Protein backbone atom coordinates (compact mmCIF):
# COMPACT_ATOMS: atom_id res chain seq x y z
CA UNK A 1 -0.02 0.01 0.00
CA UNK A 2 1.40 3.33 -1.00
CA UNK A 3 1.42 6.14 1.61
CA UNK A 4 -1.17 8.76 1.00
CA UNK A 5 0.55 11.44 -1.18
CA UNK A 6 0.79 15.04 0.14
CA UNK A 7 -1.86 17.44 -1.15
CA UNK A 8 -1.17 19.14 -4.42
CA UNK A 9 -1.50 22.90 -3.88
CA UNK A 10 -1.83 25.77 -6.35
CA UNK A 11 1.88 26.35 -5.79
CA UNK A 12 2.61 22.85 -7.07
CA UNK A 13 0.33 23.33 -10.10
CA UNK A 14 1.92 26.67 -10.90
CA UNK A 15 5.43 25.18 -10.73
CA UNK A 16 4.44 22.25 -12.96
CA UNK A 17 2.84 24.58 -15.58
CA UNK A 18 5.99 26.71 -15.87
CA UNK A 19 8.21 23.65 -16.12
CA UNK A 20 6.05 22.24 -18.88
CA UNK A 21 6.01 25.43 -20.87
CA UNK A 22 9.79 25.91 -20.51
CA UNK A 23 10.59 22.38 -21.77
CA UNK A 24 13.63 22.42 -19.48
CA UNK A 25 14.57 24.56 -16.44
CA UNK A 26 18.05 25.11 -14.94
CA UNK A 27 18.44 24.31 -11.24
CA UNK A 28 18.83 27.84 -9.93
CA UNK A 29 15.79 28.93 -11.94
CA UNK A 30 13.80 26.02 -10.48
CA UNK A 31 14.78 27.03 -6.99
CA UNK A 32 13.65 30.63 -7.61
CA UNK A 33 10.39 29.36 -9.19
CA UNK A 34 9.83 27.10 -6.10
CA UNK A 35 10.20 30.11 -3.80
CA UNK A 36 7.95 32.35 -6.02
CA UNK A 37 5.18 29.74 -6.23
CA UNK A 38 5.15 29.08 -2.44
CA UNK A 39 5.20 32.76 -1.59
CA UNK A 40 2.46 33.58 -4.12
CA UNK A 41 0.31 30.77 -2.78
CA UNK A 42 1.17 31.66 0.83
CA UNK A 43 2.29 28.14 1.63
CA UNK A 44 5.32 27.04 3.68
CA UNK A 45 8.56 27.54 1.85
CA UNK A 46 11.92 25.92 2.78
CA UNK A 47 14.88 26.56 0.51
CA UNK A 48 16.32 23.07 0.86
CA UNK A 49 13.02 21.26 0.15
CA UNK A 50 12.82 21.57 -3.59
CA UNK A 51 13.25 17.79 -4.07
CA UNK A 52 10.39 17.08 -1.58
CA UNK A 53 8.23 19.67 -3.36
CA UNK A 54 8.92 17.91 -6.69
CA UNK A 55 8.26 14.46 -5.14
CA UNK A 56 4.75 15.60 -4.17
CA UNK A 57 4.09 16.73 -7.82
CA UNK A 58 5.47 13.40 -9.07
CA UNK A 59 3.19 11.32 -6.81
CA UNK A 60 0.26 13.12 -8.47
CA UNK A 61 1.69 12.77 -12.00
CA UNK A 62 2.21 8.97 -11.53
CA UNK A 63 -1.26 7.89 -12.70
CA UNK A 64 -0.76 10.05 -15.82
CA UNK A 65 2.57 8.31 -16.53
CA UNK A 66 4.51 11.58 -16.24
CA UNK A 67 7.30 12.64 -14.01
CA UNK A 68 9.55 15.63 -13.32
CA UNK A 69 13.13 14.37 -13.84
CA UNK A 70 16.46 15.89 -12.83
CA UNK A 71 19.50 15.66 -15.10
CA UNK A 72 22.87 17.27 -15.30
CA UNK A 73 24.34 19.43 -18.09
CA UNK A 74 27.24 17.54 -19.69
CA UNK A 75 28.84 20.94 -20.30
CA UNK A 76 29.06 22.42 -16.82
CA UNK A 77 27.51 19.84 -14.44
CA UNK A 78 24.56 22.06 -13.47
CA UNK A 79 21.28 20.40 -12.52
CA UNK A 80 18.25 20.80 -14.83
CA UNK A 81 14.63 19.75 -14.56
CA UNK A 82 12.21 18.57 -17.29
CA UNK A 83 8.80 16.95 -17.37
CA UNK A 84 8.96 13.51 -19.00
CA UNK A 85 6.24 11.49 -20.51
CA UNK A 86 6.97 7.91 -19.44
CA UNK A 87 4.75 6.29 -22.03
CA UNK A 88 6.26 8.06 -25.03
CA UNK A 89 9.93 7.79 -24.26
CA UNK A 90 10.76 7.41 -27.96
CA UNK A 91 11.46 9.97 -30.71
CA UNK A 92 7.73 9.51 -31.55
CA UNK A 93 6.92 12.04 -28.77
CA UNK A 94 8.40 14.66 -31.12
CA UNK A 95 6.04 13.59 -33.95
CA UNK A 96 3.44 16.20 -33.19
CA UNK A 97 5.95 19.02 -33.66
CA UNK A 98 8.00 17.82 -36.67
CA UNK A 99 7.44 16.20 -40.08
CA UNK A 100 8.51 12.58 -40.78
CA UNK A 101 11.42 13.99 -42.85
CA UNK A 102 12.62 16.23 -40.04
CA UNK A 103 12.34 13.33 -37.55
CA UNK A 104 14.41 11.12 -39.83
CA UNK A 105 17.15 13.76 -39.97
CA UNK A 106 16.98 13.97 -36.11
CA UNK A 107 17.29 10.18 -35.75
CA UNK A 108 20.27 10.06 -38.13
CA UNK A 109 21.89 12.97 -36.27
CA UNK A 110 21.34 11.15 -32.99
CA UNK A 111 23.02 8.08 -34.49
CA UNK A 112 26.11 10.14 -35.42
CA UNK A 113 26.30 11.71 -32.02
CA UNK A 114 25.83 8.58 -29.94
CA UNK A 115 28.09 6.41 -32.10
CA UNK A 116 30.87 9.08 -32.22
CA UNK A 117 33.99 8.91 -30.01
CA UNK A 118 33.39 12.26 -28.25
CA UNK A 119 29.53 12.70 -28.29
CA UNK A 120 29.61 15.27 -31.08
CA UNK A 121 28.70 15.30 -34.81
CA UNK A 122 29.99 17.90 -37.17
CA UNK A 123 27.53 19.98 -39.24
CA UNK A 124 29.33 18.72 -42.40
CA UNK A 125 28.63 15.09 -41.53
CA UNK A 126 25.02 15.83 -40.66
CA UNK A 127 24.37 17.83 -43.81
CA UNK A 128 25.89 14.97 -45.88
CA UNK A 129 23.08 12.80 -44.60
CA UNK A 130 20.46 15.21 -45.85
CA UNK A 131 20.40 13.82 -49.41
CA UNK A 132 20.45 10.14 -48.20
CA UNK A 133 17.13 10.29 -46.25
CA UNK A 134 14.63 7.47 -46.97
CA UNK A 135 11.52 9.68 -46.64
CA UNK A 136 12.87 12.00 -49.45
CA UNK A 137 16.06 13.94 -50.06
CA UNK A 138 16.49 17.20 -48.19
CA UNK A 139 18.42 20.16 -49.54
CA UNK A 140 21.36 21.25 -47.41
CA UNK A 141 19.86 24.74 -46.92
CA UNK A 142 16.69 23.15 -45.66
CA UNK A 143 18.65 20.75 -43.39
CA UNK A 144 20.54 23.76 -41.90
CA UNK A 145 17.23 25.40 -41.13
CA UNK A 146 15.85 22.27 -39.44
CA UNK A 147 19.00 21.86 -37.29
CA UNK A 148 18.54 25.45 -36.21
CA UNK A 149 14.98 24.61 -35.08
CA UNK A 150 16.26 21.53 -33.17
CA UNK A 151 18.73 23.81 -31.33
CA UNK A 152 16.00 26.46 -30.59
CA UNK A 153 13.70 23.74 -29.25
CA UNK A 154 16.46 22.38 -27.09
CA UNK A 155 16.88 18.90 -28.59
CA UNK A 156 20.34 19.63 -29.91
CA UNK A 157 23.17 21.96 -28.71
CA UNK A 158 25.65 23.48 -31.17
CA UNK A 159 29.12 24.91 -30.57
CA UNK A 160 31.49 25.92 -33.41
CA UNK A 161 29.68 23.80 -36.00
CA UNK A 162 29.57 20.75 -33.71
CA UNK A 163 26.31 19.21 -32.52
CA UNK A 164 25.53 17.22 -29.44
CA UNK A 165 22.30 16.27 -27.61
CA UNK A 166 20.85 19.00 -25.42
CA UNK A 167 20.34 18.27 -21.69
CA UNK A 168 16.56 18.30 -22.31
CA UNK A 169 16.96 15.50 -24.91
CA UNK A 170 19.16 13.46 -22.63
CA UNK A 171 16.65 13.72 -19.73
CA UNK A 172 13.59 13.06 -21.85
CA UNK A 173 15.03 10.27 -24.04
CA UNK A 174 17.26 8.47 -21.57
CA UNK A 175 15.27 5.23 -21.67
CA UNK A 176 14.91 5.36 -25.41
CA UNK A 177 18.65 5.82 -25.92
CA UNK A 178 19.61 3.14 -23.41
CA UNK A 179 17.37 0.54 -25.02
CA UNK A 180 18.07 1.43 -28.64
CA UNK A 181 21.87 1.89 -28.36
CA UNK A 182 22.55 -0.91 -25.85
CA UNK A 183 26.07 -1.64 -27.17
CA UNK A 184 27.32 1.94 -26.86
CA UNK A 185 25.10 3.91 -24.44
CA UNK A 186 26.58 4.18 -20.99
CA UNK A 187 25.56 5.54 -17.62
CA UNK A 188 27.95 7.71 -15.70
CA UNK A 189 29.59 5.72 -12.84
CA UNK A 190 29.40 8.69 -10.51
CA UNK A 191 25.87 10.19 -11.04
CA UNK A 192 24.27 7.14 -12.72
CA UNK A 193 22.55 9.15 -15.49
CA UNK A 194 23.06 8.67 -19.26
CA UNK A 195 26.31 10.12 -20.59
CA UNK A 196 26.89 11.15 -24.19
CA UNK A 197 30.17 13.11 -23.78
CA UNK A 198 32.29 11.10 -21.42
CA UNK A 199 35.68 9.77 -20.51
CA UNK A 200 36.09 5.99 -20.33
CA UNK A 201 38.45 3.89 -18.21
CA UNK A 202 40.81 1.99 -20.49
CA UNK A 203 41.02 -0.87 -17.96
CA UNK A 204 37.44 -1.63 -16.93
CA UNK A 205 35.41 0.50 -19.36
CA UNK A 206 33.29 2.59 -16.96
CA UNK A 207 32.28 5.99 -18.23
CA UNK A 208 32.03 9.35 -16.40
CA UNK A 209 30.65 12.74 -17.41
CA UNK A 210 33.31 15.41 -17.84
CA UNK A 211 31.91 17.53 -14.91
CA UNK A 212 31.84 14.34 -12.78
CA UNK A 213 35.47 13.56 -13.73
CA UNK A 214 36.37 17.11 -12.73
CA UNK A 215 34.63 16.81 -9.41
CA UNK A 216 35.83 13.33 -8.56
CA UNK A 217 39.53 13.85 -9.35
CA UNK A 218 39.71 17.42 -7.78
CA UNK A 219 42.81 17.63 -5.57
CA UNK A 220 44.07 14.11 -6.50
CA UNK A 221 47.69 14.07 -7.65
CA UNK A 222 47.43 10.65 -9.33
CA UNK A 223 43.83 10.09 -10.62
CA UNK A 224 42.68 6.47 -10.31
CA UNK A 225 39.53 4.85 -11.59
CA UNK A 226 36.77 4.77 -8.94
CA UNK A 227 35.91 1.20 -9.90
CA UNK A 228 39.10 -0.74 -10.71
CA UNK A 229 41.66 1.69 -9.05
CA UNK A 230 43.86 1.66 -12.24
CA UNK A 231 45.55 4.87 -13.33
CA UNK A 232 43.09 7.16 -15.14
CA UNK A 233 44.87 7.66 -18.46
CA UNK A 234 42.56 10.36 -19.94
CA UNK A 235 43.55 14.06 -19.50
CA UNK A 236 41.29 15.24 -16.74
CA UNK A 237 39.44 18.43 -17.63
């Protein structure tokens, strides 16, 4: 028997609405939003109780097969929150927003990123795929425009012509990626969430996010793998 869930207040509903309309919310923004919602609704606010506040919302979202999930940015290690639909954890959840042709380009871009050594795909490689799509060929100009939209909608991130999966995409599609790329998809040994850009131990094969590597090896003169204790041969960021 599950314990009776705490009451869902207007503060909880307001917080959920903003999170859903944002797509993804950075940790410090979520904390400010938590305070604002509690103060507006005149309910008890404790700065260190955001996780409890979210747990209450999640207990009410459970019957709807939805959940607020926390993930970390592979770039800087900051926490982010997104509302995830647990039934549609596939790329199909994007189907209402994009055409079949656009989705095919996204899937192929995802392949390139996940199967790459470093978790990035160059715009050149992605645009070369545009005229090989099964649905129909896409002009490079059109493909550039579609990639721009994927970046604006926070499914992809771009830096100097290199694309990777946005934190929103990693949080929302973690299950899809883990089950569809079983041979290559890894979870971070430190924070246990999916890692796309990672360092891998040459001895035992565990993977760690770059921010987790940074944090774990901080102050260590000779970095050793947290699992097998062999020397960590990658250059620590």
